[in-house]
Amino acid sequence: MRPAMRHVYGWLLLTPAAILLIAFTHFPTLSTIFESTFSKGNIVRPSRFIGAGNYEFMMEDPIFWKVLVNNFWFAVGTIPTSIALAIVMALLVNRALPGRPFLRLAYFTPTILPMIAVANIWLFFYSPDIGLIDQILSVFGFAGHNWLGDPGTVLPAIIVMTVWKEAGFFMIFYLAALQNLSPELEEAARLEGASRWYFFWRVVFPLLMPTTLFVLINAVLNSFKLVDHLFVLTKGGPNNASNLLLYYIYENAFSYFDTNYAATLTVVLLGILAVMSLVQFFLLDRRIHYR
């Protein structure tokens, strides 16, 4: 095959994937940025170009800043907890235990449940007085509490539910990584008299860093795309105490029909995720031991 024809053949093979990538990634991104520069339009007053007007309004929007702070604490609460719990569960089910397949299934089951089903299950747990949590607390003499109606407890309640659902999913990746480690490493560590903690921290955990990078990126993305649970449980309340950035985008687009301001918030969300992903790649890549 001639070199010129070889290049043509290569581009033809890439064309279907390139079309899908442009149609569903690049074009929507550019379209969103373009929409964010226009004002909200209606029948009486059509949309007009306002440049950075939506961004200026966003900087003065107190709900946006509250939502951004909520999302920060939500990410802080869910990301490290989910990853740490996933590692612990993977280490546990990687050992020779009786009933190990059932234990793995029990850990992974929350992951395969639909998000709406998970939200309804936890809605029963958090219901005041009649919910499972308050019923258990009443046995020990504690009074019932409105977990989802109290601004001080609603976000931690959402965090607990999210960790419960995500940890089993991350566990699968860590379990696969652990099973690919050579058993000779542990045998050598025992001969050297290394403790279990030292062996994990100095040998196992560094070798799990490629998996940790992958899981961390997914955890960050998940912490910024929670909509279904909030729609069922709190709708962002009370007083926006549980409102997160993507749900605020949903509210502006489909409740207030302000798609242009929703596009502005979406651009900010994309920027935050892009910066966080780049930071993770550049900071963690030096600590990763590729095999």
C-alpha atoms as a PDB file:
ATOM      1  CA  MET A   1       0.000   0.000   0.000  1.00  0.00           C
ATOM      2  CA  ARG A   2       1.311   3.453  -0.911  1.00  0.00           C
ATOM      3  CA  PRO A   3       2.149   5.825   1.966  1.00  0.00           C
ATOM      4  CA  ALA A   4      -0.493   8.327   0.812  1.00  0.00           C
ATOM      5  CA  MET A   5      -3.184   5.626   0.660  1.00  0.00           C
ATOM      6  CA  ARG A   6      -2.106   4.375   4.068  1.00  0.00           C
ATOM      7  CA  HIS A   7      -2.786   7.816   5.575  1.00  0.00           C
ATOM      8  CA  VAL A   8      -6.166   7.998   3.844  1.00  0.00           C
ATOM      9  CA  TYR A   9      -7.045   4.533   5.118  1.00  0.00           C
ATOM     10  CA  GLY A  10      -6.052   5.523   8.663  1.00  0.00           C
ATOM     11  CA  TRP A  11      -8.181   8.664   8.585  1.00  0.00           C
ATOM     12  CA  LEU A  12     -11.146   6.686   7.264  1.00  0.00           C
ATOM     13  CA  LEU A  13     -10.848   4.333  10.215  1.00  0.00           C
ATOM     14  CA  LEU A  14     -10.780   7.291  12.613  1.00  0.00           C
ATOM     15  CA  THR A  15     -13.695   9.118  10.977  1.00  0.00           C
ATOM     16  CA  PRO A  16     -16.618   7.344  12.765  1.00  0.00           C
ATOM     17  CA  ALA A  17     -15.066   7.875  16.203  1.00  0.00           C
ATOM     18  CA  ALA A  18     -14.136  11.479  15.320  1.00  0.00           C
ATOM     19  CA  ILE A  19     -17.695  12.236  14.200  1.00  0.00           C
ATOM     20  CA  LEU A  20     -19.128  10.884  17.451  1.00  0.00           C
ATOM     21  CA  LEU A  21     -16.543  12.778  19.504  1.00  0.00           C
ATOM     22  CA  ILE A  22     -17.242  16.062  17.742  1.00  0.00           C
ATOM     23  CA  ALA A  23     -21.027  15.612  17.748  1.00  0.00           C
ATOM     24  CA  PHE A  24     -21.393  14.632  21.399  1.00  0.00           C
ATOM     25  CA  THR A  25     -18.416  16.359  23.064  1.00  0.00           C
ATOM     26  CA  HIS A  26     -16.851  19.269  21.212  1.00  0.00           C
ATOM     27  CA  PHE A  27     -19.950  20.701  19.547  1.00  0.00           C
ATOM     28  CA  PRO A  28     -22.082  20.686  22.745  1.00  0.00           C
ATOM     29  CA  THR A  29     -19.228  22.324  24.655  1.00  0.00           C
ATOM     30  CA  LEU A  30     -18.806  25.113  22.114  1.00  0.00           C
ATOM     31  CA  SER A  31     -22.584  25.509  21.843  1.00  0.00           C
ATOM     32  CA  THR A  32     -22.856  25.848  25.630  1.00  0.00           C
ATOM     33  CA  ILE A  33     -20.146  28.513  25.714  1.00  0.00           C
ATOM     34  CA  PHE A  34     -21.931  30.373  22.916  1.00  0.00           C
ATOM     35  CA  GLU A  35     -25.320  30.171  24.677  1.00  0.00           C
ATOM     36  CA  SER A  36     -23.804  31.544  27.882  1.00  0.00           C
ATOM     37  CA  THR A  37     -23.150  34.874  26.170  1.00  0.00           C
ATOM     38  CA  PHE A  38     -26.861  35.550  25.504  1.00  0.00           C
ATOM     39  CA  SER A  39     -29.628  36.772  27.794  1.00  0.00           C
ATOM     40  CA  LYS A  40     -32.775  34.872  28.687  1.00  0.00           C
ATOM     41  CA  GLY A  41     -35.322  35.279  25.922  1.00  0.00           C
ATOM     42  CA  ASN A  42     -39.122  35.064  25.725  1.00  0.00           C
ATOM     43  CA  ILE A  43     -41.904  35.862  23.274  1.00  0.00           C
ATOM     44  CA  VAL A  44     -41.971  39.554  24.174  1.00  0.00           C
ATOM     45  CA  ARG A  45     -38.232  40.095  24.536  1.00  0.00           C
ATOM     46  CA  PRO A  46     -35.986  37.856  22.411  1.00  0.00           C
ATOM     47  CA  SER A  47     -32.590  36.727  23.568  1.00  0.00           C
ATOM     48  CA  ARG A  48     -29.757  39.129  22.832  1.00  0.00           C
ATOM     49  CA  PHE A  49     -25.967  39.062  23.040  1.00  0.00           C
ATOM     50  CA  ILE A  50     -24.720  40.333  26.417  1.00  0.00           C
ATOM     51  CA  GLY A  51     -21.146  39.019  26.416  1.00  0.00           C
ATOM     52  CA  ALA A  52     -20.022  38.312  29.966  1.00  0.00           C
ATOM     53  CA  GLY A  53     -23.272  39.588  31.486  1.00  0.00           C
ATOM     54  CA  ASN A  54     -24.345  36.166  32.728  1.00  0.00           C
ATOM     55  CA  TYR A  55     -20.958  35.611  34.310  1.00  0.00           C
ATOM     56  CA  GLU A  56     -21.175  38.972  36.089  1.00  0.00           C
ATOM     57  CA  PHE A  57     -24.615  38.034  37.388  1.00  0.00           C
ATOM     58  CA  MET A  58     -23.293  34.665  38.500  1.00  0.00           C
ATOM     59  CA  MET A  59     -20.511  36.309  40.524  1.00  0.00           C
ATOM     60  CA  GLU A  60     -23.193  38.296  42.402  1.00  0.00           C
ATOM     61  CA  ASP A  61     -25.558  35.331  42.794  1.00  0.00           C
ATOM     62  CA  PRO A  62     -25.552  34.261  46.492  1.00  0.00           C
ATOM     63  CA  ILE A  63     -27.180  30.922  45.667  1.00  0.00           C
ATOM     64  CA  PHE A  64     -24.350  30.078  43.260  1.00  0.00           C
ATOM     65  CA  TRP A  65     -21.738  30.618  45.965  1.00  0.00           C
ATOM     66  CA  LYS A  66     -23.747  28.625  48.484  1.00  0.00           C
ATOM     67  CA  VAL A  67     -24.122  25.806  45.988  1.00  0.00           C
ATOM     68  CA  LEU A  68     -20.401  25.914  45.205  1.00  0.00           C
ATOM     69  CA  VAL A  69     -19.508  25.671  48.907  1.00  0.00           C
ATOM     70  CA  ASN A  70     -21.996  22.805  49.313  1.00  0.00           C
ATOM     71  CA  ASN A  71     -20.415  20.970  46.414  1.00  0.00           C
ATOM     72  CA  PHE A  72     -16.947  21.494  47.873  1.00  0.00           C
ATOM     73  CA  TRP A  73     -17.929  19.937  51.200  1.00  0.00           C
ATOM     74  CA  PHE A  74     -19.833  17.196  49.404  1.00  0.00           C
ATOM     75  CA  ALA A  75     -16.695  16.322  47.421  1.00  0.00           C
ATOM     76  CA  VAL A  76     -14.529  16.452  50.551  1.00  0.00           C
ATOM     77  CA  GLY A  77     -16.944  14.149  52.335  1.00  0.00           C
ATOM     78  CA  THR A  78     -17.492  11.598  49.572  1.00  0.00           C
ATOM     79  CA  ILE A  79     -14.208  11.273  47.645  1.00  0.00           C
ATOM     80  CA  PRO A  80     -11.678  10.267  50.341  1.00  0.00           C
ATOM     81  CA  THR A  81     -14.261   8.280  52.308  1.00  0.00           C
ATOM     82  CA  SER A  82     -15.405   6.280  49.286  1.00  0.00           C
ATOM     83  CA  ILE A  83     -11.840   5.521  48.196  1.00  0.00           C
ATOM     84  CA  ALA A  84     -10.657   4.544  51.690  1.00  0.00           C
ATOM     85  CA  LEU A  85     -13.692   2.333  52.255  1.00  0.00           C
ATOM     86  CA  ALA A  86     -13.264   0.743  48.818  1.00  0.00           C
ATOM     87  CA  ILE A  87      -9.640  -0.155  49.609  1.00  0.00           C
ATOM     88  CA  VAL A  88     -10.599  -1.657  52.972  1.00  0.00           C
ATOM     89  CA  MET A  89     -13.392  -3.716  51.415  1.00  0.00           C
ATOM     90  CA  ALA A  90     -11.124  -4.892  48.588  1.00  0.00           C
ATOM     91  CA  LEU A  91      -8.451  -5.981  51.060  1.00  0.00           C
ATOM     92  CA  LEU A  92     -11.074  -7.847  53.067  1.00  0.00           C
ATOM     93  CA  VAL A  93     -12.717  -9.735  50.192  1.00  0.00           C
ATOM     94  CA  ASN A  94      -9.326 -10.501  48.632  1.00  0.00           C
ATOM     95  CA  ARG A  95      -8.502 -12.743  51.580  1.00  0.00           C
ATOM     96  CA  ALA A  96      -9.542 -16.394  51.874  1.00  0.00           C
ATOM     97  CA  LEU A  97     -12.767 -16.024  53.843  1.00  0.00           C
ATOM     98  CA  PRO A  98     -15.763 -18.364  54.163  1.00  0.00           C
ATOM     99  CA  GLY A  99     -18.611 -17.067  52.007  1.00  0.00           C
ATOM    100  CA  ARG A 100     -16.331 -14.649  50.190  1.00  0.00           C
ATOM    101  CA  PRO A 101     -18.432 -14.559  46.964  1.00  0.00           C
ATOM    102  CA  PHE A 102     -21.525 -13.553  48.955  1.00  0.00           C
ATOM    103  CA  LEU A 103     -19.559 -10.857  50.773  1.00  0.00           C
ATOM    104  CA  ARG A 104     -18.347  -9.446  47.464  1.00  0.00           C
ATOM    105  CA  LEU A 105     -21.922  -9.467  46.164  1.00  0.00           C
ATOM    106  CA  ALA A 106     -23.155  -7.695  49.289  1.00  0.00           C
ATOM    107  CA  TYR A 107     -20.560  -4.942  48.866  1.00  0.00           C
ATOM    108  CA  PHE A 108     -21.296  -4.514  45.169  1.00  0.00           C
ATOM    109  CA  THR A 109     -25.118  -4.686  45.329  1.00  0.00           C
ATOM    110  CA  PRO A 110     -25.677  -0.952  46.120  1.00  0.00           C
ATOM    111  CA  THR A 111     -23.809  -0.074  42.931  1.00  0.00           C
ATOM    112  CA  ILE A 112     -26.200  -1.924  40.614  1.00  0.00           C
ATOM    113  CA  LEU A 113     -29.317  -0.441  42.179  1.00  0.00           C
ATOM    114  CA  PRO A 114     -30.953   2.404  40.205  1.00  0.00           C
ATOM    115  CA  MET A 115     -30.317   5.841  41.667  1.00  0.00           C
ATOM    116  CA  ILE A 116     -34.029   6.501  42.163  1.00  0.00           C
ATOM    117  CA  ALA A 117     -34.380   3.216  44.059  1.00  0.00           C
ATOM    118  CA  VAL A 118     -31.394   4.099  46.278  1.00  0.00           C
ATOM    119  CA  ALA A 119     -32.887   7.510  47.032  1.00  0.00           C
ATOM    120  CA  ASN A 120     -36.227   5.972  48.015  1.00  0.00           C
ATOM    121  CA  ILE A 121     -34.520   3.394  50.235  1.00  0.00           C
ATOM    122  CA  TRP A 122     -32.642   6.096  52.098  1.00  0.00           C
ATOM    123  CA  LEU A 123     -35.743   8.275  52.209  1.00  0.00           C
ATOM    124  CA  PHE A 124     -37.272   5.513  54.326  1.00  0.00           C
ATOM    125  CA  PHE A 125     -34.138   5.452  56.497  1.00  0.00           C
ATOM    126  CA  TYR A 126     -34.192   9.217  57.059  1.00  0.00           C
ATOM    127  CA  SER A 127     -37.944   9.698  57.581  1.00  0.00           C
ATOM    128  CA  PRO A 128     -38.556  11.449  60.937  1.00  0.00           C
ATOM    129  CA  ASP A 129     -39.777   9.206  63.778  1.00  0.00           C
ATOM    130  CA  ILE A 130     -40.938   6.349  61.531  1.00  0.00           C
ATOM    131  CA  GLY A 131     -37.655   5.914  59.617  1.00  0.00           C
ATOM    132  CA  LEU A 132     -35.259   3.070  60.310  1.00  0.00           C
ATOM    133  CA  ILE A 133     -32.570   5.319  61.802  1.00  0.00           C
ATOM    134  CA  ASP A 134     -34.954   7.014  64.234  1.00  0.00           C
ATOM    135  CA  GLN A 135     -36.495   3.665  65.135  1.00  0.00           C
ATOM    136  CA  ILE A 136     -33.058   2.322  66.069  1.00  0.00           C
ATOM    137  CA  LEU A 137     -32.194   5.488  67.999  1.00  0.00           C
ATOM    138  CA  SER A 138     -35.480   5.315  69.911  1.00  0.00           C
ATOM    139  CA  VAL A 139     -34.411   1.945  71.324  1.00  0.00           C
ATOM    140  CA  PHE A 140     -31.512   3.742  73.041  1.00  0.00           C
ATOM    141  CA  GLY A 141     -33.728   6.577  74.246  1.00  0.00           C
ATOM    142  CA  PHE A 142     -32.896   9.185  71.603  1.00  0.00           C
ATOM    143  CA  ALA A 143     -35.608  11.408  70.146  1.00  0.00           C
ATOM    144  CA  GLY A 144     -36.438  11.411  66.456  1.00  0.00           C
ATOM    145  CA  HIS A 145     -34.787  13.876  64.114  1.00  0.00           C
ATOM    146  CA  ASN A 146     -35.695  15.346  60.726  1.00  0.00           C
ATOM    147  CA  TRP A 147     -32.426  14.413  59.006  1.00  0.00           C
ATOM    148  CA  LEU A 148     -33.363  15.811  55.604  1.00  0.00           C
ATOM    149  CA  GLY A 149     -35.215  18.842  56.952  1.00  0.00           C
ATOM    150  CA  ASP A 150     -32.412  20.151  59.153  1.00  0.00           C
ATOM    151  CA  PRO A 151     -29.859  22.340  57.311  1.00  0.00           C
ATOM    152  CA  GLY A 152     -27.156  21.038  59.640  1.00  0.00           C
ATOM    153  CA  THR A 153     -27.686  17.348  58.863  1.00  0.00           C
ATOM    154  CA  VAL A 154     -29.088  17.234  55.337  1.00  0.00           C
ATOM    155  CA  LEU A 155     -25.741  17.421  53.498  1.00  0.00           C
ATOM    156  CA  PRO A 156     -24.010  14.827  55.735  1.00  0.00           C
ATOM    157  CA  ALA A 157     -27.044  12.574  55.190  1.00  0.00           C
ATOM    158  CA  ILE A 158     -26.634  12.867  51.408  1.00  0.00           C
ATOM    159  CA  ILE A 159     -22.897  12.193  51.778  1.00  0.00           C
ATOM    160  CA  VAL A 160     -23.503   8.974  53.731  1.00  0.00           C
ATOM    161  CA  MET A 161     -25.942   7.733  51.095  1.00  0.00           C
ATOM    162  CA  THR A 162     -23.519   8.531  48.257  1.00  0.00           C
ATOM    163  CA  VAL A 163     -20.602   6.774  49.939  1.00  0.00           C
ATOM    164  CA  TRP A 164     -22.815   3.710  50.518  1.00  0.00           C
ATOM    165  CA  LYS A 165     -23.577   3.547  46.806  1.00  0.00           C
ATOM    166  CA  GLU A 166     -20.150   4.353  45.351  1.00  0.00           C
ATOM    167  CA  ALA A 167     -17.723   2.455  47.594  1.00  0.00           C
ATOM    168  CA  GLY A 168     -18.726  -0.955  46.204  1.00  0.00           C
ATOM    169  CA  PHE A 169     -18.160   0.247  42.655  1.00  0.00           C
ATOM    170  CA  PHE A 170     -14.649   1.461  43.427  1.00  0.00           C
ATOM    171  CA  MET A 171     -13.964  -1.745  45.350  1.00  0.00           C
ATOM    172  CA  ILE A 172     -14.181  -3.775  42.121  1.00  0.00           C
ATOM    173  CA  PHE A 173     -11.265  -1.871  40.587  1.00  0.00           C
ATOM    174  CA  TYR A 174      -9.111  -2.218  43.683  1.00  0.00           C
ATOM    175  CA  LEU A 175      -9.943  -5.920  43.953  1.00  0.00           C
ATOM    176  CA  ALA A 176      -8.853  -6.464  40.356  1.00  0.00           C
ATOM    177  CA  ALA A 177      -5.619  -4.564  41.029  1.00  0.00           C
ATOM    178  CA  LEU A 178      -4.903  -6.565  44.187  1.00  0.00           C
ATOM    179  CA  GLN A 179      -5.387  -9.850  42.357  1.00  0.00           C
ATOM    180  CA  ASN A 180      -2.806  -8.792  39.784  1.00  0.00           C
ATOM    181  CA  LEU A 181      -0.117  -8.268  42.435  1.00  0.00           C
ATOM    182  CA  SER A 182       2.500 -10.974  42.672  1.00  0.00           C
ATOM    183  CA  PRO A 183       2.192 -13.119  45.844  1.00  0.00           C
ATOM    184  CA  GLU A 184       5.973 -13.220  45.954  1.00  0.00           C
ATOM    185  CA  LEU A 185       5.956  -9.620  47.212  1.00  0.00           C
ATOM    186  CA  GLU A 186       4.133 -10.590  50.390  1.00  0.00           C
ATOM    187  CA  GLU A 187       6.349 -13.633  50.881  1.00  0.00           C
ATOM    188  CA  ALA A 188       9.473 -11.469  50.588  1.00  0.00           C
ATOM    189  CA  ALA A 189       8.024  -8.940  53.055  1.00  0.00           C
ATOM    190  CA  ARG A 190       7.325 -11.692  55.591  1.00  0.00           C
ATOM    191  CA  LEU A 191      10.888 -12.985  55.285  1.00  0.00           C
ATOM    192  CA  GLU A 192      12.134  -9.469  55.983  1.00  0.00           C
ATOM    193  CA  GLY A 193       9.882  -9.226  59.037  1.00  0.00           C
ATOM    194  CA  ALA A 194       7.721  -6.403  57.690  1.00  0.00           C
ATOM    195  CA  SER A 195       4.387  -5.812  59.432  1.00  0.00           C
ATOM    196  CA  ARG A 196       1.099  -5.921  57.534  1.00  0.00           C
ATOM    197  CA  TRP A 197       0.714  -2.148  57.751  1.00  0.00           C
ATOM    198  CA  TYR A 198       4.274  -1.513  56.536  1.00  0.00           C
ATOM    199  CA  PHE A 199       3.795  -3.961  53.657  1.00  0.00           C
ATOM    200  CA  PHE A 200       0.546  -2.285  52.639  1.00  0.00           C
ATOM    201  CA  TRP A 201       1.830   1.299  52.912  1.00  0.00           C
ATOM    202  CA  ARG A 202       5.249   0.720  51.321  1.00  0.00           C
ATOM    203  CA  VAL A 203       4.460  -1.966  48.742  1.00  0.00           C
ATOM    204  CA  VAL A 204       0.759  -2.495  48.044  1.00  0.00           C
ATOM    205  CA  PHE A 205      -0.486   1.085  48.111  1.00  0.00           C
ATOM    206  CA  PRO A 206       2.197   2.463  45.729  1.00  0.00           C
ATOM    207  CA  LEU A 207       1.386  -0.338  43.286  1.00  0.00           C
ATOM    208  CA  LEU A 208      -2.303   0.584  43.526  1.00  0.00           C
ATOM    209  CA  MET A 209      -1.665   4.200  42.496  1.00  0.00           C
ATOM    210  CA  PRO A 210      -2.663   3.740  38.823  1.00  0.00           C
ATOM    211  CA  THR A 211      -5.994   2.366  40.043  1.00  0.00           C
ATOM    212  CA  THR A 212      -6.252   5.159  42.606  1.00  0.00           C
ATOM    213  CA  LEU A 213      -5.793   7.786  39.884  1.00  0.00           C
ATOM    214  CA  PHE A 214      -8.552   6.217  37.802  1.00  0.00           C
ATOM    215  CA  VAL A 215     -10.878   5.903  40.801  1.00  0.00           C
ATOM    216  CA  LEU A 216     -10.090   9.438  41.986  1.00  0.00           C
ATOM    217  CA  ILE A 217     -11.033  10.964  38.642  1.00  0.00           C
ATOM    218  CA  ASN A 218     -14.302   9.032  38.623  1.00  0.00           C
ATOM    219  CA  ALA A 219     -15.009  10.032  42.227  1.00  0.00           C
ATOM    220  CA  VAL A 220     -14.454  13.701  41.410  1.00  0.00           C
ATOM    221  CA  LEU A 221     -16.793  13.483  38.423  1.00  0.00           C
ATOM    222  CA  ASN A 222     -19.433  11.704  40.500  1.00  0.00           C
ATOM    223  CA  SER A 223     -19.256  14.349  43.220  1.00  0.00           C
ATOM    224  CA  PHE A 224     -20.310  17.003  40.697  1.00  0.00           C
ATOM    225  CA  LYS A 225     -23.082  15.150  38.869  1.00  0.00           C
ATOM    226  CA  LEU A 226     -25.587  14.302  41.594  1.00  0.00           C
ATOM    227  CA  VAL A 227     -29.137  15.115  40.460  1.00  0.00           C
ATOM    228  CA  ASP A 228     -31.385  12.071  40.867  1.00  0.00           C
ATOM    229  CA  HIS A 229     -30.913  11.693  44.613  1.00  0.00           C
ATOM    230  CA  LEU A 230     -31.544  15.371  45.298  1.00  0.00           C
ATOM    231  CA  PHE A 231     -34.654  15.369  43.129  1.00  0.00           C
ATOM    232  CA  VAL A 232     -36.186  12.562  45.209  1.00  0.00           C
ATOM    233  CA  LEU A 233     -34.878  13.451  48.667  1.00  0.00           C
ATOM    234  CA  THR A 234     -34.626  17.216  49.143  1.00  0.00           C
ATOM    235  CA  LYS A 235     -34.901  19.147  45.863  1.00  0.00           C
ATOM    236  CA  GLY A 236     -31.967  21.185  47.115  1.00  0.00           C
ATOM    237  CA  GLY A 237     -33.611  22.180  50.396  1.00  0.00           C
ATOM    238  CA  PRO A 238     -34.007  23.234  53.038  1.00  0.00           C
ATOM    239  CA  ASN A 239     -32.993  26.767  52.041  1.00  0.00           C
ATOM    240  CA  ASN A 240     -30.484  25.390  49.472  1.00  0.00           C
ATOM    241  CA  ALA A 241     -28.592  23.573  52.234  1.00  0.00           C
ATOM    242  CA  SER A 242     -28.295  20.453  50.050  1.00  0.00           C
ATOM    243  CA  ASN A 243     -28.297  22.130  46.653  1.00  0.00           C
ATOM    244  CA  LEU A 244     -25.344  21.143  44.470  1.00  0.00           C
ATOM    245  CA  LEU A 245     -23.993  22.710  41.291  1.00  0.00           C
ATOM    246  CA  LEU A 246     -25.456  20.299  38.739  1.00  0.00           C
ATOM    247  CA  TYR A 247     -28.860  20.346  40.434  1.00  0.00           C
ATOM    248  CA  TYR A 248     -28.760  24.154  40.393  1.00  0.00           C
ATOM    249  CA  ILE A 249     -28.075  23.950  36.657  1.00  0.00           C
ATOM    250  CA  TYR A 250     -31.058  21.616  36.314  1.00  0.00           C
ATOM    251  CA  GLU A 251     -33.253  24.040  38.266  1.00  0.00           C
ATOM    252  CA  ASN A 252     -32.338  27.013  36.086  1.00  0.00           C
ATOM    253  CA  ALA A 253     -32.769  25.088  32.846  1.00  0.00           C
ATOM    254  CA  PHE A 254     -35.984  23.144  33.534  1.00  0.00           C
ATOM    255  CA  SER A 255     -37.700  24.936  36.425  1.00  0.00           C
ATOM    256  CA  TYR A 256     -36.889  28.582  35.685  1.00  0.00           C
ATOM    257  CA  PHE A 257     -36.401  28.011  31.912  1.00  0.00           C
ATOM    258  CA  ASP A 258     -33.295  30.191  31.970  1.00  0.00           C
ATOM    259  CA  THR A 259     -31.179  28.015  29.683  1.00  0.00           C
ATOM    260  CA  ASN A 260     -28.628  30.764  29.097  1.00  0.00           C
ATOM    261  CA  TYR A 261     -27.768  31.125  32.772  1.00  0.00           C
ATOM    262  CA  ALA A 262     -27.762  27.323  33.031  1.00  0.00           C
ATOM    263  CA  ALA A 263     -25.239  27.300  30.183  1.00  0.00           C
ATOM    264  CA  THR A 264     -23.099  29.780  32.119  1.00  0.00           C
ATOM    265  CA  LEU A 265     -23.127  27.543  35.175  1.00  0.00           C
ATOM    266  CA  THR A 266     -22.324  24.556  32.967  1.00  0.00           C
ATOM    267  CA  VAL A 267     -19.241  26.310  31.588  1.00  0.00           C
ATOM    268  CA  VAL A 268     -18.077  26.925  35.140  1.00  0.00           C
ATOM    269  CA  LEU A 269     -18.696  23.283  36.022  1.00  0.00           C
ATOM    270  CA  LEU A 270     -16.712  22.104  33.001  1.00  0.00           C
ATOM    271  CA  GLY A 271     -13.890  24.461  33.920  1.00  0.00           C
ATOM    272  CA  ILE A 272     -13.774  23.179  37.511  1.00  0.00           C
ATOM    273  CA  LEU A 273     -13.702  19.550  36.374  1.00  0.00           C
ATOM    274  CA  ALA A 274     -11.026  20.265  33.760  1.00  0.00           C
ATOM    275  CA  VAL A 275      -8.760  22.029  36.257  1.00  0.00           C
ATOM    276  CA  MET A 276      -9.214  19.316  38.882  1.00  0.00           C
ATOM    277  CA  SER A 277      -8.481  16.574  36.349  1.00  0.00           C
ATOM    278  CA  LEU A 278      -5.309  18.301  35.171  1.00  0.00           C
ATOM    279  CA  VAL A 279      -4.141  18.814  38.748  1.00  0.00           C
ATOM    280  CA  GLN A 280      -4.736  15.139  39.514  1.00  0.00           C
ATOM    281  CA  PHE A 281      -2.812  14.019  36.443  1.00  0.00           C
ATOM    282  CA  PHE A 282       0.179  16.288  37.021  1.00  0.00           C
ATOM    283  CA  LEU A 283       0.418  15.766  40.797  1.00  0.00           C
ATOM    284  CA  LEU A 284      -0.275  12.040  40.972  1.00  0.00           C
ATOM    285  CA  ASP A 285       1.518  10.939  37.834  1.00  0.00           C
ATOM    286  CA  ARG A 286       4.895  11.389  39.548  1.00  0.00           C
ATOM    287  CA  ARG A 287       3.800   9.091  42.384  1.00  0.00           C
ATOM    288  CA  ILE A 288       2.452   6.329  40.159  1.00  0.00           C
ATOM    289  CA  HIS A 289       4.434   3.139  39.671  1.00  0.00           C
ATOM    290  CA  TYR A 290       3.441   1.768  36.275  1.00  0.00           C
ATOM    291  CA  ARG A 291       4.176  -1.879  35.671  1.00  0.00           C
END
